[in-house]
Amino acid sequence: MRPAMKRALICATVPFLALVAALPFVNRLRPIVFGLPFVLFWILAWVGLTPVFLFLADRFLRKERDDKDGER
């Protein structure tokens, strides 16, 4: 597997793991963050961070494709 593809997959997997695998560990009513229970804050934060990670994954793949096109 190409290095850029590995980095892109890792970037795409991080939000999934944070929202699915880590949820049982952060399922707490306290502390309260910005007036929200911690679990709700966690979910909302990751919903906001997911596009950042997907953007990074896209940049890794585009950079590799652009580098490959430049070699030709």
N, C-alpha and C. Protein backbone atom coordinates (compact mmCIF):
# COMPACT_ATOMS: atom_id res chain seq x y z
N MET A 1 0.84 -1.18 0.00
CA MET A 1 0.00 0.00 0.00
C MET A 1 0.89 1.24 0.00
N ARG A 2 0.48 2.23 -0.78
CA ARG A 2 1.27 3.46 -0.90
C ARG A 2 1.24 4.25 0.42
N PRO A 3 2.34 4.95 0.74
CA PRO A 3 2.40 5.73 1.99
C PRO A 3 1.29 6.78 2.09
N ALA A 4 0.99 7.45 1.00
CA ALA A 4 -0.06 8.47 1.05
C ALA A 4 -1.41 7.84 1.34
N MET A 5 -1.66 6.67 0.81
CA MET A 5 -2.91 5.98 1.06
C MET A 5 -3.01 5.57 2.53
N LYS A 6 -1.90 5.12 3.10
CA LYS A 6 -1.88 4.76 4.52
C LYS A 6 -2.22 5.97 5.39
N ARG A 7 -1.58 7.10 5.09
CA ARG A 7 -1.85 8.31 5.87
C ARG A 7 -3.30 8.74 5.71
N ALA A 8 -3.83 8.64 4.51
CA ALA A 8 -5.22 9.03 4.27
C ALA A 8 -6.18 8.11 5.04
N LEU A 9 -5.90 6.83 5.05
CA LEU A 9 -6.76 5.90 5.79
C LEU A 9 -6.70 6.15 7.29
N ILE A 10 -5.53 6.46 7.78
CA ILE A 10 -5.41 6.77 9.21
C ILE A 10 -6.20 8.03 9.54
N CYS A 11 -6.08 9.05 8.70
CA CYS A 11 -6.83 10.29 8.93
C CYS A 11 -8.33 10.05 8.88
N ALA A 12 -8.77 9.16 8.03
CA ALA A 12 -10.20 8.88 7.92
C ALA A 12 -10.69 7.98 9.05
N THR A 13 -9.80 7.21 9.63
CA THR A 13 -10.18 6.27 10.70
C THR A 13 -10.26 6.95 12.06
N VAL A 14 -9.47 7.98 12.28
CA VAL A 14 -9.43 8.64 13.59
C VAL A 14 -10.81 9.13 14.03
N PRO A 15 -11.58 9.87 13.21
CA PRO A 15 -12.90 10.29 13.68
C PRO A 15 -13.85 9.13 13.94
N PHE A 16 -13.77 8.09 13.12
CA PHE A 16 -14.61 6.92 13.34
C PHE A 16 -14.32 6.30 14.70
N LEU A 17 -13.05 6.12 15.00
CA LEU A 17 -12.68 5.53 16.28
C LEU A 17 -13.08 6.42 17.44
N ALA A 18 -12.94 7.72 17.27
CA ALA A 18 -13.30 8.65 18.34
C ALA A 18 -14.80 8.65 18.61
N LEU A 19 -15.59 8.48 17.56
CA LEU A 19 -17.04 8.50 17.74
C LEU A 19 -17.62 7.14 18.11
N VAL A 20 -16.99 6.07 17.71
CA VAL A 20 -17.56 4.75 17.96
C VAL A 20 -16.82 4.01 19.08
N ALA A 21 -15.52 3.86 18.93
CA ALA A 21 -14.77 3.05 19.89
C ALA A 21 -14.55 3.76 21.22
N ALA A 22 -14.36 5.07 21.20
CA ALA A 22 -14.06 5.79 22.44
C ALA A 22 -15.32 6.20 23.19
N LEU A 23 -16.46 6.09 22.57
CA LEU A 23 -17.70 6.56 23.21
C LEU A 23 -17.98 5.90 24.56
N PRO A 24 -17.78 4.60 24.73
CA PRO A 24 -18.02 4.03 26.06
C PRO A 24 -17.10 4.60 27.15
N PHE A 25 -15.93 5.07 26.76
CA PHE A 25 -14.99 5.61 27.74
C PHE A 25 -15.30 7.05 28.13
N VAL A 26 -16.01 7.77 27.27
CA VAL A 26 -16.33 9.17 27.56
C VAL A 26 -17.78 9.35 27.94
N ASN A 27 -18.51 8.28 28.11
CA ASN A 27 -19.94 8.35 28.43
C ASN A 27 -20.11 8.74 29.89
N ARG A 28 -20.00 10.03 30.14
CA ARG A 28 -20.12 10.58 31.49
C ARG A 28 -21.06 11.78 31.45
N LEU A 29 -21.81 11.96 32.51
CA LEU A 29 -22.65 13.14 32.60
C LEU A 29 -21.85 14.32 33.13
N ARG A 30 -20.87 14.05 33.92
CA ARG A 30 -20.01 15.10 34.44
C ARG A 30 -18.60 14.84 33.97
N PRO A 31 -17.83 15.76 33.60
CA PRO A 31 -17.98 17.20 33.78
C PRO A 31 -18.93 17.81 32.75
N ILE A 32 -19.35 18.99 33.06
CA ILE A 32 -20.19 19.77 32.16
C ILE A 32 -19.26 20.70 31.38
N VAL A 33 -19.32 20.66 30.06
CA VAL A 33 -18.48 21.50 29.21
C VAL A 33 -19.40 22.38 28.37
N PHE A 34 -19.26 23.68 28.52
CA PHE A 34 -20.11 24.64 27.81
C PHE A 34 -21.59 24.35 28.03
N GLY A 35 -21.94 23.90 29.22
CA GLY A 35 -23.33 23.61 29.56
C GLY A 35 -23.85 22.29 29.04
N LEU A 36 -22.98 21.48 28.45
CA LEU A 36 -23.37 20.18 27.89
C LEU A 36 -22.72 19.06 28.68
N PRO A 37 -23.41 17.93 28.82
CA PRO A 37 -22.73 16.77 29.39
C PRO A 37 -21.53 16.40 28.51
N PHE A 38 -20.51 15.83 29.15
CA PHE A 38 -19.26 15.59 28.43
C PHE A 38 -19.46 14.74 27.19
N VAL A 39 -20.31 13.71 27.25
CA VAL A 39 -20.50 12.84 26.09
C VAL A 39 -21.09 13.61 24.91
N LEU A 40 -22.01 14.52 25.16
CA LEU A 40 -22.59 15.31 24.08
C LEU A 40 -21.56 16.28 23.51
N PHE A 41 -20.76 16.88 24.39
CA PHE A 41 -19.68 17.74 23.92
C PHE A 41 -18.70 16.96 23.07
N TRP A 42 -18.35 15.75 23.47
CA TRP A 42 -17.42 14.88 22.73
C TRP A 42 -17.95 14.62 21.31
N ILE A 43 -19.21 14.25 21.23
CA ILE A 43 -19.81 13.94 19.92
C ILE A 43 -19.82 15.18 19.04
N LEU A 44 -20.25 16.30 19.58
CA LEU A 44 -20.30 17.54 18.79
C LEU A 44 -18.91 17.99 18.35
N ALA A 45 -17.93 17.83 19.23
CA ALA A 45 -16.57 18.22 18.87
C ALA A 45 -16.05 17.36 17.72
N TRP A 46 -16.31 16.07 17.76
CA TRP A 46 -15.82 15.20 16.69
C TRP A 46 -16.60 15.36 15.40
N VAL A 47 -17.86 15.72 15.50
CA VAL A 47 -18.61 16.03 14.28
C VAL A 47 -17.99 17.25 13.61
N GLY A 48 -17.53 18.21 14.40
CA GLY A 48 -16.85 19.38 13.85
C GLY A 48 -15.44 19.10 13.36
N LEU A 49 -14.75 18.16 13.99
CA LEU A 49 -13.37 17.84 13.61
C LEU A 49 -13.28 16.87 12.43
N THR A 50 -14.32 16.11 12.17
CA THR A 50 -14.29 15.12 11.09
C THR A 50 -13.95 15.74 9.74
N PRO A 51 -14.54 16.87 9.34
CA PRO A 51 -14.14 17.46 8.05
C PRO A 51 -12.67 17.84 7.98
N VAL A 52 -12.07 18.22 9.10
CA VAL A 52 -10.65 18.55 9.11
C VAL A 52 -9.82 17.31 8.78
N PHE A 53 -10.15 16.19 9.40
CA PHE A 53 -9.41 14.96 9.13
C PHE A 53 -9.63 14.48 7.70
N LEU A 54 -10.84 14.61 7.20
CA LEU A 54 -11.10 14.19 5.82
C LEU A 54 -10.41 15.12 4.82
N PHE A 55 -10.31 16.40 5.15
CA PHE A 55 -9.56 17.33 4.31
C PHE A 55 -8.09 16.92 4.26
N LEU A 56 -7.51 16.57 5.41
CA LEU A 56 -6.12 16.14 5.44
C LEU A 56 -5.92 14.86 4.62
N ALA A 57 -6.86 13.93 4.73
CA ALA A 57 -6.76 12.70 3.93
C ALA A 57 -6.79 13.03 2.44
N ASP A 58 -7.66 13.93 2.05
CA ASP A 58 -7.74 14.34 0.65
C ASP A 58 -6.45 15.01 0.20
N ARG A 59 -5.87 15.85 1.03
CA ARG A 59 -4.62 16.52 0.68
C ARG A 59 -3.48 15.52 0.48
N PHE A 60 -3.41 14.50 1.33
CA PHE A 60 -2.38 13.47 1.16
C PHE A 60 -2.52 12.80 -0.20
N LEU A 61 -3.74 12.44 -0.56
CA LEU A 61 -3.96 11.75 -1.83
C LEU A 61 -3.72 12.67 -3.02
N ARG A 62 -4.15 13.92 -2.93
CA ARG A 62 -3.94 14.86 -4.04
C ARG A 62 -2.46 15.16 -4.24
N LYS A 63 -1.73 15.30 -3.12
CA LYS A 63 -0.30 15.59 -3.24
C LYS A 63 0.41 14.44 -3.95
N GLU A 64 0.07 13.22 -3.60
CA GLU A 64 0.67 12.07 -4.27
C GLU A 64 0.31 12.04 -5.75
N ARG A 65 -0.95 12.32 -6.06
CA ARG A 65 -1.39 12.31 -7.46
C ARG A 65 -0.70 13.42 -8.24
N ASP A 66 -0.59 14.60 -7.64
CA ASP A 66 0.09 15.71 -8.32
C ASP A 66 1.57 15.41 -8.55
N ASP A 67 2.21 14.79 -7.55
CA ASP A 67 3.62 14.42 -7.71
C ASP A 67 3.79 13.40 -8.82
N LYS A 68 2.86 12.46 -8.90
CA LYS A 68 2.93 11.43 -9.93
C LYS A 68 2.70 12.03 -11.31
N ASP A 69 1.78 13.00 -11.43
CA ASP A 69 1.53 13.66 -12.71
C ASP A 69 2.73 14.51 -13.14
N GLY A 70 3.45 15.07 -12.19
CA GLY A 70 4.61 15.88 -12.52
C GLY A 70 5.77 15.08 -13.05
N GLU A 71 5.83 13.78 -12.69
CA GLU A 71 6.92 12.93 -13.16
C GLU A 71 6.77 12.56 -14.62
N ARG A 72 5.56 12.57 -15.11
CA ARG A 72 5.32 12.13 -16.49
C ARG A 72 5.72 13.16 -17.49
